[in-house]
């Protein structure tokens, strides 16, 4: 049985991860800025009759709050085995539409939220001599994804952070993995740029994404891939298969990948004119 924390656990990928953990018998603290949503998920998970779940409100942009919660879980359970720094926000729009508010929100949640989680969890795991940090990035952290470059930039940063930390941590008993899914059917895609100035992709972007992707992957299938990747201690957990194919394509022919991305830009610009 592992003791785990999942941020952004009230919905989407976080909820699916928490469900998989409890289903196998782990104890999970489901955290989210949505207090009621996290509580509902934890209550549901406690009906599975296997592991256990608790909930807590957590704003990952608040470094002190993250640190206090992670230390609190370690104090309550005596250890902290798994941390999923998963909370994120979807930012979309052409570069000329984006304001600094779009950039700052993406950096604060998608990047600094992970930084805060790593900063809190890593010392705990070093002290106890083991643990596994799993950071959620995106296929956008591996390939050139336009029409949302603040999102792309932060996800590339999370990949770099994770792989660099993995190299440092390898000799000290701490494992680090980064999850890079392609388009997944989560509430994020239905609420792009929440509370931010409107762009061509604001609101529900699933229709636009459907034109560019073979299909939305389910959170349940992604959680299965993540659990398998953790068991294998994979550095990069890339899913589904067409996401891995796109990643290989970028590595083999970066120029062709950029030209393919330009087609998506032309479609958005064409729809906007």
C-alpha atoms as a PDB file:
ATOM      1  CA  UNK A   1       0.000   0.000   0.000  1.00  0.00           C
ATOM      2  CA  UNK A   2       1.300   3.414  -1.000  1.00  0.00           C
ATOM      3  CA  UNK A   3       0.549   6.862   0.445  1.00  0.00           C
ATOM      4  CA  UNK A   4      -0.154   9.236  -2.436  1.00  0.00           C
ATOM      5  CA  UNK A   5      -1.107  12.840  -3.149  1.00  0.00           C
ATOM      6  CA  UNK A   6      -2.880  13.839  -6.355  1.00  0.00           C
ATOM      7  CA  UNK A   7      -3.260  17.519  -7.231  1.00  0.00           C
ATOM      8  CA  UNK A   8      -6.064  18.562  -9.558  1.00  0.00           C
ATOM      9  CA  UNK A   9      -7.896  15.473  -8.364  1.00  0.00           C
ATOM     10  CA  UNK A  10     -11.473  16.736  -8.521  1.00  0.00           C
ATOM     11  CA  UNK A  11     -11.888  15.866 -12.192  1.00  0.00           C
ATOM     12  CA  UNK A  12     -10.281  14.592 -15.350  1.00  0.00           C
ATOM     13  CA  UNK A  13      -6.865  12.962 -15.263  1.00  0.00           C
ATOM     14  CA  UNK A  14      -6.401  13.574 -11.533  1.00  0.00           C
ATOM     15  CA  UNK A  15      -9.656  11.854 -10.649  1.00  0.00           C
ATOM     16  CA  UNK A  16      -8.793   8.889 -12.887  1.00  0.00           C
ATOM     17  CA  UNK A  17      -5.345   8.558 -11.278  1.00  0.00           C
ATOM     18  CA  UNK A  18      -6.831   8.694  -7.787  1.00  0.00           C
ATOM     19  CA  UNK A  19      -9.412   6.071  -8.743  1.00  0.00           C
ATOM     20  CA  UNK A  20      -6.718   3.716 -10.051  1.00  0.00           C
ATOM     21  CA  UNK A  21      -4.660   4.148  -6.892  1.00  0.00           C
ATOM     22  CA  UNK A  22      -7.536   3.473  -4.503  1.00  0.00           C
ATOM     23  CA  UNK A  23      -8.687   0.535  -6.631  1.00  0.00           C
ATOM     24  CA  UNK A  24      -5.342  -1.163  -6.059  1.00  0.00           C
ATOM     25  CA  UNK A  25      -5.437  -0.502  -2.305  1.00  0.00           C
ATOM     26  CA  UNK A  26      -3.506   2.742  -1.859  1.00  0.00           C
ATOM     27  CA  UNK A  27      -4.309   5.637   0.460  1.00  0.00           C
ATOM     28  CA  UNK A  28      -4.812   8.823  -1.551  1.00  0.00           C
ATOM     29  CA  UNK A  29      -5.222  12.479  -0.629  1.00  0.00           C
ATOM     30  CA  UNK A  30      -7.284  14.069  -3.396  1.00  0.00           C
ATOM     31  CA  UNK A  31      -6.493  17.776  -3.623  1.00  0.00           C
ATOM     32  CA  UNK A  32      -7.963  20.527  -5.742  1.00  0.00           C
ATOM     33  CA  UNK A  33      -8.815  24.205  -5.600  1.00  0.00           C
ATOM     34  CA  UNK A  34     -12.387  22.933  -6.013  1.00  0.00           C
ATOM     35  CA  UNK A  35     -12.960  21.843  -2.416  1.00  0.00           C
ATOM     36  CA  UNK A  36     -16.412  20.354  -2.974  1.00  0.00           C
ATOM     37  CA  UNK A  37     -15.309  18.497  -6.092  1.00  0.00           C
ATOM     38  CA  UNK A  38     -12.350  16.937  -4.308  1.00  0.00           C
ATOM     39  CA  UNK A  39     -14.622  15.906  -1.454  1.00  0.00           C
ATOM     40  CA  UNK A  40     -17.090  14.246  -3.805  1.00  0.00           C
ATOM     41  CA  UNK A  41     -14.301  12.276  -5.477  1.00  0.00           C
ATOM     42  CA  UNK A  42     -12.889  11.121  -2.128  1.00  0.00           C
ATOM     43  CA  UNK A  43     -16.350  10.097  -0.896  1.00  0.00           C
ATOM     44  CA  UNK A  44     -16.933   8.097  -4.074  1.00  0.00           C
ATOM     45  CA  UNK A  45     -13.554   6.389  -3.826  1.00  0.00           C
ATOM     46  CA  UNK A  46     -14.238   5.346  -0.251  1.00  0.00           C
ATOM     47  CA  UNK A  47     -17.126   3.233  -1.516  1.00  0.00           C
ATOM     48  CA  UNK A  48     -14.794   1.009  -3.553  1.00  0.00           C
ATOM     49  CA  UNK A  49     -13.910  -1.090  -0.512  1.00  0.00           C
ATOM     50  CA  UNK A  50     -10.190  -1.316  -1.306  1.00  0.00           C
ATOM     51  CA  UNK A  51      -7.929   1.640  -0.534  1.00  0.00           C
ATOM     52  CA  UNK A  52      -8.823   4.863   1.236  1.00  0.00           C
ATOM     53  CA  UNK A  53      -9.213   8.470   0.177  1.00  0.00           C
ATOM     54  CA  UNK A  54      -9.292  11.858   1.877  1.00  0.00           C
ATOM     55  CA  UNK A  55      -9.664  15.292   0.350  1.00  0.00           C
ATOM     56  CA  UNK A  56      -8.124  18.701   0.880  1.00  0.00           C
ATOM     57  CA  UNK A  57      -8.359  22.096  -0.737  1.00  0.00           C
ATOM     58  CA  UNK A  58      -5.097  23.070  -2.401  1.00  0.00           C
ATOM     59  CA  UNK A  59      -4.128  26.004  -4.578  1.00  0.00           C
ATOM     60  CA  UNK A  60      -0.913  24.846  -6.244  1.00  0.00           C
ATOM     61  CA  UNK A  61       0.134  28.450  -6.899  1.00  0.00           C
ATOM     62  CA  UNK A  62       0.534  28.866  -3.120  1.00  0.00           C
ATOM     63  CA  UNK A  63       3.957  27.399  -2.329  1.00  0.00           C
ATOM     64  CA  UNK A  64       3.454  27.516   1.441  1.00  0.00           C
ATOM     65  CA  UNK A  65       0.112  25.718   1.198  1.00  0.00           C
ATOM     66  CA  UNK A  66       1.636  22.981  -0.975  1.00  0.00           C
ATOM     67  CA  UNK A  67       4.558  22.553   1.399  1.00  0.00           C
ATOM     68  CA  UNK A  68       2.305  22.413   4.458  1.00  0.00           C
ATOM     69  CA  UNK A  69      -0.006  19.824   2.897  1.00  0.00           C
ATOM     70  CA  UNK A  70       2.786  17.528   1.712  1.00  0.00           C
ATOM     71  CA  UNK A  71       4.506  17.695   5.111  1.00  0.00           C
ATOM     72  CA  UNK A  72       1.165  17.110   6.799  1.00  0.00           C
ATOM     73  CA  UNK A  73       0.507  13.940   4.805  1.00  0.00           C
ATOM     74  CA  UNK A  74       4.000  12.683   5.663  1.00  0.00           C
ATOM     75  CA  UNK A  75       3.379  13.493   9.318  1.00  0.00           C
ATOM     76  CA  UNK A  76       0.003  11.742   9.389  1.00  0.00           C
ATOM     77  CA  UNK A  77       1.129   8.571   7.612  1.00  0.00           C
ATOM     78  CA  UNK A  78       4.827   8.394   8.374  1.00  0.00           C
ATOM     79  CA  UNK A  79       5.824   8.489   4.716  1.00  0.00           C
ATOM     80  CA  UNK A  80       4.932   9.873   1.291  1.00  0.00           C
ATOM     81  CA  UNK A  81       5.383   7.333  -1.498  1.00  0.00           C
ATOM     82  CA  UNK A  82       3.765   8.855  -4.573  1.00  0.00           C
ATOM     83  CA  UNK A  83       3.129  12.441  -5.608  1.00  0.00           C
ATOM     84  CA  UNK A  84       1.200  13.349  -8.745  1.00  0.00           C
ATOM     85  CA  UNK A  85       1.747  17.022  -9.588  1.00  0.00           C
ATOM     86  CA  UNK A  86      -1.161  17.062 -11.989  1.00  0.00           C
ATOM     87  CA  UNK A  87      -3.123  20.320 -11.601  1.00  0.00           C
ATOM     88  CA  UNK A  88      -3.235  22.376 -14.789  1.00  0.00           C
ATOM     89  CA  UNK A  89      -5.078  24.887 -16.925  1.00  0.00           C
ATOM     90  CA  UNK A  90      -5.775  25.035 -20.670  1.00  0.00           C
ATOM     91  CA  UNK A  91      -4.623  28.184 -22.447  1.00  0.00           C
ATOM     92  CA  UNK A  92      -5.412  28.592 -26.132  1.00  0.00           C
ATOM     93  CA  UNK A  93      -5.333  31.232 -28.819  1.00  0.00           C
ATOM     94  CA  UNK A  94      -3.126  32.754 -31.476  1.00  0.00           C
ATOM     95  CA  UNK A  95      -0.023  34.533 -30.214  1.00  0.00           C
ATOM     96  CA  UNK A  96      -1.354  37.963 -31.175  1.00  0.00           C
ATOM     97  CA  UNK A  97      -4.528  37.352 -29.156  1.00  0.00           C
ATOM     98  CA  UNK A  98      -2.756  36.408 -25.961  1.00  0.00           C
ATOM     99  CA  UNK A  99      -2.245  38.840 -23.119  1.00  0.00           C
ATOM    100  CA  UNK A 100       0.273  38.680 -20.300  1.00  0.00           C
ATOM    101  CA  UNK A 101      -2.591  37.430 -18.142  1.00  0.00           C
ATOM    102  CA  UNK A 102      -2.721  34.296 -20.302  1.00  0.00           C
ATOM    103  CA  UNK A 103       1.022  33.809 -19.947  1.00  0.00           C
ATOM    104  CA  UNK A 104       1.120  34.455 -16.225  1.00  0.00           C
ATOM    105  CA  UNK A 105      -1.758  32.106 -15.455  1.00  0.00           C
ATOM    106  CA  UNK A 106      -0.160  29.315 -17.476  1.00  0.00           C
ATOM    107  CA  UNK A 107       3.190  29.804 -15.766  1.00  0.00           C
ATOM    108  CA  UNK A 108       1.694  30.070 -12.283  1.00  0.00           C
ATOM    109  CA  UNK A 109      -0.384  26.879 -12.517  1.00  0.00           C
ATOM    110  CA  UNK A 110       1.179  24.622 -15.138  1.00  0.00           C
ATOM    111  CA  UNK A 111       4.822  25.294 -14.297  1.00  0.00           C
ATOM    112  CA  UNK A 112       5.110  26.815 -10.842  1.00  0.00           C
ATOM    113  CA  UNK A 113       2.431  24.461  -9.548  1.00  0.00           C
ATOM    114  CA  UNK A 114       4.726  21.567 -10.478  1.00  0.00           C
ATOM    115  CA  UNK A 115       7.765  23.396  -9.097  1.00  0.00           C
ATOM    116  CA  UNK A 116       5.976  23.847  -5.769  1.00  0.00           C
ATOM    117  CA  UNK A 117       5.041  20.174  -5.665  1.00  0.00           C
ATOM    118  CA  UNK A 118       8.580  19.038  -6.431  1.00  0.00           C
ATOM    119  CA  UNK A 119      10.048  21.506  -3.950  1.00  0.00           C
ATOM    120  CA  UNK A 120       7.784  20.111  -1.220  1.00  0.00           C
ATOM    121  CA  UNK A 121       7.991  16.400  -2.045  1.00  0.00           C
ATOM    122  CA  UNK A 122      11.623  15.899  -3.023  1.00  0.00           C
ATOM    123  CA  UNK A 123      13.200  16.678   0.387  1.00  0.00           C
ATOM    124  CA  UNK A 124      10.685  14.368   2.070  1.00  0.00           C
ATOM    125  CA  UNK A 125      11.524  11.532  -0.300  1.00  0.00           C
ATOM    126  CA  UNK A 126      15.266  12.107   0.032  1.00  0.00           C
ATOM    127  CA  UNK A 127      14.977  11.937   3.807  1.00  0.00           C
ATOM    128  CA  UNK A 128      12.969   8.710   3.752  1.00  0.00           C
ATOM    129  CA  UNK A 129      15.187   7.198   1.061  1.00  0.00           C
ATOM    130  CA  UNK A 130      12.591   6.670  -1.649  1.00  0.00           C
ATOM    131  CA  UNK A 131       9.461   7.749  -3.432  1.00  0.00           C
ATOM    132  CA  UNK A 132       8.152   8.536  -6.886  1.00  0.00           C
ATOM    133  CA  UNK A 133       7.293  11.984  -8.254  1.00  0.00           C
ATOM    134  CA  UNK A 134       5.030  11.987 -11.305  1.00  0.00           C
ATOM    135  CA  UNK A 135       4.530  15.294 -13.108  1.00  0.00           C
ATOM    136  CA  UNK A 136       1.802  15.831 -15.682  1.00  0.00           C
ATOM    137  CA  UNK A 137       3.025  17.596 -18.816  1.00  0.00           C
ATOM    138  CA  UNK A 138       1.537  16.987 -22.263  1.00  0.00           C
ATOM    139  CA  UNK A 139       2.412  15.846 -25.752  1.00  0.00           C
ATOM    140  CA  UNK A 140       2.603  19.626 -26.238  1.00  0.00           C
ATOM    141  CA  UNK A 141       5.769  19.400 -24.147  1.00  0.00           C
ATOM    142  CA  UNK A 142       7.397  17.223 -26.800  1.00  0.00           C
ATOM    143  CA  UNK A 143       6.038  18.507 -30.110  1.00  0.00           C
ATOM    144  CA  UNK A 144       5.491  21.991 -31.587  1.00  0.00           C
ATOM    145  CA  UNK A 145       1.920  22.810 -30.590  1.00  0.00           C
ATOM    146  CA  UNK A 146       0.811  26.263 -31.783  1.00  0.00           C
ATOM    147  CA  UNK A 147      -2.363  28.208 -30.937  1.00  0.00           C
ATOM    148  CA  UNK A 148      -1.603  28.060 -27.241  1.00  0.00           C
ATOM    149  CA  UNK A 149       2.100  28.694 -26.841  1.00  0.00           C
ATOM    150  CA  UNK A 150       1.933  29.591 -23.112  1.00  0.00           C
ATOM    151  CA  UNK A 151       0.575  26.077 -22.560  1.00  0.00           C
ATOM    152  CA  UNK A 152       3.206  24.594 -24.878  1.00  0.00           C
ATOM    153  CA  UNK A 153       6.029  26.514 -23.222  1.00  0.00           C
ATOM    154  CA  UNK A 154       5.063  25.465 -19.709  1.00  0.00           C
ATOM    155  CA  UNK A 155       4.655  21.824 -20.695  1.00  0.00           C
ATOM    156  CA  UNK A 156       8.087  21.797 -22.350  1.00  0.00           C
ATOM    157  CA  UNK A 157       9.448  23.246 -19.106  1.00  0.00           C
ATOM    158  CA  UNK A 158       7.789  20.511 -17.037  1.00  0.00           C
ATOM    159  CA  UNK A 159       9.381  17.856 -19.257  1.00  0.00           C
ATOM    160  CA  UNK A 160      12.812  19.442 -18.844  1.00  0.00           C
ATOM    161  CA  UNK A 161      12.363  19.851 -15.100  1.00  0.00           C
ATOM    162  CA  UNK A 162      11.300  16.232 -14.715  1.00  0.00           C
ATOM    163  CA  UNK A 163      14.075  14.673 -16.788  1.00  0.00           C
ATOM    164  CA  UNK A 164      16.717  16.838 -15.128  1.00  0.00           C
ATOM    165  CA  UNK A 165      15.454  15.947 -11.660  1.00  0.00           C
ATOM    166  CA  UNK A 166      15.274  12.277 -12.614  1.00  0.00           C
ATOM    167  CA  UNK A 167      18.988  12.352 -13.429  1.00  0.00           C
ATOM    168  CA  UNK A 168      19.797  13.968 -10.081  1.00  0.00           C
ATOM    169  CA  UNK A 169      17.503  11.721  -8.073  1.00  0.00           C
ATOM    170  CA  UNK A 170      18.410   8.376  -9.663  1.00  0.00           C
ATOM    171  CA  UNK A 171      21.316   7.689  -7.326  1.00  0.00           C
ATOM    172  CA  UNK A 172      19.391   8.715  -4.239  1.00  0.00           C
ATOM    173  CA  UNK A 173      16.428   6.343  -4.353  1.00  0.00           C
ATOM    174  CA  UNK A 174      13.834   8.783  -5.706  1.00  0.00           C
ATOM    175  CA  UNK A 175      12.127   8.102  -9.037  1.00  0.00           C
ATOM    176  CA  UNK A 176      10.750  10.796 -11.344  1.00  0.00           C
ATOM    177  CA  UNK A 177       8.433  10.346 -14.329  1.00  0.00           C
ATOM    178  CA  UNK A 178       6.633  12.809 -16.580  1.00  0.00           C
ATOM    179  CA  UNK A 179       3.289  12.111 -18.263  1.00  0.00           C
ATOM    180  CA  UNK A 180       2.860  13.427 -21.812  1.00  0.00           C
ATOM    181  CA  UNK A 181      -0.623  12.584 -23.101  1.00  0.00           C
ATOM    182  CA  UNK A 182      -2.094  13.723 -26.374  1.00  0.00           C
ATOM    183  CA  UNK A 183      -5.629  15.149 -26.330  1.00  0.00           C
ATOM    184  CA  UNK A 184      -7.574  13.650 -23.440  1.00  0.00           C
ATOM    185  CA  UNK A 185     -11.291  14.107 -22.820  1.00  0.00           C
ATOM    186  CA  UNK A 186     -11.135  16.247 -19.669  1.00  0.00           C
ATOM    187  CA  UNK A 187     -12.999  19.334 -18.394  1.00  0.00           C
ATOM    188  CA  UNK A 188      -9.942  21.434 -19.313  1.00  0.00           C
ATOM    189  CA  UNK A 189     -10.803  21.143 -22.999  1.00  0.00           C
ATOM    190  CA  UNK A 190     -14.341  22.338 -22.331  1.00  0.00           C
ATOM    191  CA  UNK A 191     -13.115  25.424 -20.443  1.00  0.00           C
ATOM    192  CA  UNK A 192     -10.140  26.974 -22.229  1.00  0.00           C
ATOM    193  CA  UNK A 193      -8.919  30.315 -20.843  1.00  0.00           C
ATOM    194  CA  UNK A 194     -11.185  30.342 -17.762  1.00  0.00           C
ATOM    195  CA  UNK A 195     -11.531  33.850 -16.372  1.00  0.00           C
ATOM    196  CA  UNK A 196      -9.176  35.235 -19.031  1.00  0.00           C
ATOM    197  CA  UNK A 197      -9.654  37.473 -22.084  1.00  0.00           C
ATOM    198  CA  UNK A 198     -11.387  35.665 -24.930  1.00  0.00           C
ATOM    199  CA  UNK A 199      -9.489  34.222 -27.886  1.00  0.00           C
ATOM    200  CA  UNK A 200     -10.448  32.089 -30.887  1.00  0.00           C
ATOM    201  CA  UNK A 201     -10.180  28.956 -28.706  1.00  0.00           C
ATOM    202  CA  UNK A 202     -11.861  30.202 -25.532  1.00  0.00           C
ATOM    203  CA  UNK A 203     -14.588  28.060 -24.045  1.00  0.00           C
ATOM    204  CA  UNK A 204     -15.209  24.576 -25.406  1.00  0.00           C
ATOM    205  CA  UNK A 205     -12.349  23.681 -27.769  1.00  0.00           C
ATOM    206  CA  UNK A 206     -13.253  20.040 -28.333  1.00  0.00           C
ATOM    207  CA  UNK A 207     -14.696  20.767 -31.791  1.00  0.00           C
ATOM    208  CA  UNK A 208     -11.494  22.426 -32.988  1.00  0.00           C
ATOM    209  CA  UNK A 209      -9.368  19.679 -31.469  1.00  0.00           C
ATOM    210  CA  UNK A 210     -11.432  16.965 -33.127  1.00  0.00           C
ATOM    211  CA  UNK A 211     -10.376  18.360 -36.506  1.00  0.00           C
ATOM    212  CA  UNK A 212      -6.705  17.928 -35.660  1.00  0.00           C
ATOM    213  CA  UNK A 213      -6.671  14.708 -33.601  1.00  0.00           C
ATOM    214  CA  UNK A 214      -7.759  11.134 -34.382  1.00  0.00           C
ATOM    215  CA  UNK A 215      -9.937  11.172 -31.263  1.00  0.00           C
ATOM    216  CA  UNK A 216      -9.957  12.131 -27.620  1.00  0.00           C
ATOM    217  CA  UNK A 217      -8.355   9.590 -25.282  1.00  0.00           C
ATOM    218  CA  UNK A 218     -10.262   8.671 -22.137  1.00  0.00           C
ATOM    219  CA  UNK A 219      -8.912   9.496 -18.704  1.00  0.00           C
ATOM    220  CA  UNK A 220      -9.456   5.892 -17.619  1.00  0.00           C
ATOM    221  CA  UNK A 221      -7.200   4.571 -20.388  1.00  0.00           C
ATOM    222  CA  UNK A 222      -4.589   7.217 -19.629  1.00  0.00           C
ATOM    223  CA  UNK A 223      -4.627   6.323 -15.918  1.00  0.00           C
ATOM    224  CA  UNK A 224      -4.014   2.699 -16.900  1.00  0.00           C
ATOM    225  CA  UNK A 225      -1.027   3.808 -19.006  1.00  0.00           C
ATOM    226  CA  UNK A 226       0.280   5.925 -16.135  1.00  0.00           C
ATOM    227  CA  UNK A 227       0.078   3.075 -13.627  1.00  0.00           C
ATOM    228  CA  UNK A 228       1.904   0.803 -16.063  1.00  0.00           C
ATOM    229  CA  UNK A 229       4.553   3.466 -16.661  1.00  0.00           C
ATOM    230  CA  UNK A 230       5.102   3.952 -12.941  1.00  0.00           C
ATOM    231  CA  UNK A 231       5.497   0.220 -12.417  1.00  0.00           C
ATOM    232  CA  UNK A 232       8.149   0.205 -15.142  1.00  0.00           C
ATOM    233  CA  UNK A 233       9.770   3.417 -13.838  1.00  0.00           C
ATOM    234  CA  UNK A 234       9.486   5.044 -17.251  1.00  0.00           C
ATOM    235  CA  UNK A 235      11.046   8.466 -17.619  1.00  0.00           C
ATOM    236  CA  UNK A 236       8.467   9.571 -20.200  1.00  0.00           C
ATOM    237  CA  UNK A 237       4.940   8.184 -20.239  1.00  0.00           C
ATOM    238  CA  UNK A 238       3.585   9.128 -23.684  1.00  0.00           C
ATOM    239  CA  UNK A 239       0.066   8.055 -24.698  1.00  0.00           C
ATOM    240  CA  UNK A 240      -1.869   7.014 -26.698  1.00  0.00           C
ATOM    241  CA  UNK A 241      -0.124   5.252 -29.598  1.00  0.00           C
ATOM    242  CA  UNK A 242      -0.691   8.110 -32.061  1.00  0.00           C
ATOM    243  CA  UNK A 243       0.908  10.457 -29.533  1.00  0.00           C
ATOM    244  CA  UNK A 244       4.013   8.287 -29.446  1.00  0.00           C
ATOM    245  CA  UNK A 245       4.023   8.249 -33.248  1.00  0.00           C
ATOM    246  CA  UNK A 246       3.839  12.066 -33.347  1.00  0.00           C
ATOM    247  CA  UNK A 247       6.692  12.312 -30.850  1.00  0.00           C
ATOM    248  CA  UNK A 248       8.863   9.964 -32.930  1.00  0.00           C
ATOM    249  CA  UNK A 249       8.000  11.991 -36.026  1.00  0.00           C
ATOM    250  CA  UNK A 250       9.211  15.212 -34.427  1.00  0.00           C
ATOM    251  CA  UNK A 251      12.480  13.581 -33.435  1.00  0.00           C
ATOM    252  CA  UNK A 252      13.048  12.209 -36.930  1.00  0.00           C
ATOM    253  CA  UNK A 253      11.923  15.264 -38.909  1.00  0.00           C
ATOM    254  CA  UNK A 254      11.387  18.458 -36.866  1.00  0.00           C
ATOM    255  CA  UNK A 255      10.831  20.571 -39.977  1.00  0.00           C
ATOM    256  CA  UNK A 256       7.976  18.393 -41.188  1.00  0.00           C
ATOM    257  CA  UNK A 257       6.393  18.528 -37.735  1.00  0.00           C
ATOM    258  CA  UNK A 258       6.440  22.321 -37.764  1.00  0.00           C
ATOM    259  CA  UNK A 259       4.866  22.390 -41.227  1.00  0.00           C
ATOM    260  CA  UNK A 260       2.098  20.074 -40.003  1.00  0.00           C
ATOM    261  CA  UNK A 261       1.481  22.436 -37.097  1.00  0.00           C
ATOM    262  CA  UNK A 262       1.215  25.331 -39.547  1.00  0.00           C
ATOM    263  CA  UNK A 263      -1.795  23.621 -41.146  1.00  0.00           C
ATOM    264  CA  UNK A 264      -3.606  23.784 -37.805  1.00  0.00           C
ATOM    265  CA  UNK A 265      -2.781  27.479 -37.497  1.00  0.00           C
ATOM    266  CA  UNK A 266      -4.155  28.158 -40.981  1.00  0.00           C
ATOM    267  CA  UNK A 267      -7.409  26.388 -40.074  1.00  0.00           C
ATOM    268  CA  UNK A 268      -7.893  28.532 -36.978  1.00  0.00           C
ATOM    269  CA  UNK A 269      -7.023  31.730 -38.788  1.00  0.00           C
ATOM    270  CA  UNK A 270      -9.334  30.775 -41.604  1.00  0.00           C
ATOM    271  CA  UNK A 271     -12.201  30.181 -39.205  1.00  0.00           C
ATOM    272  CA  UNK A 272     -11.528  33.489 -37.493  1.00  0.00           C
ATOM    273  CA  UNK A 273     -11.575  35.615 -40.665  1.00  0.00           C
END
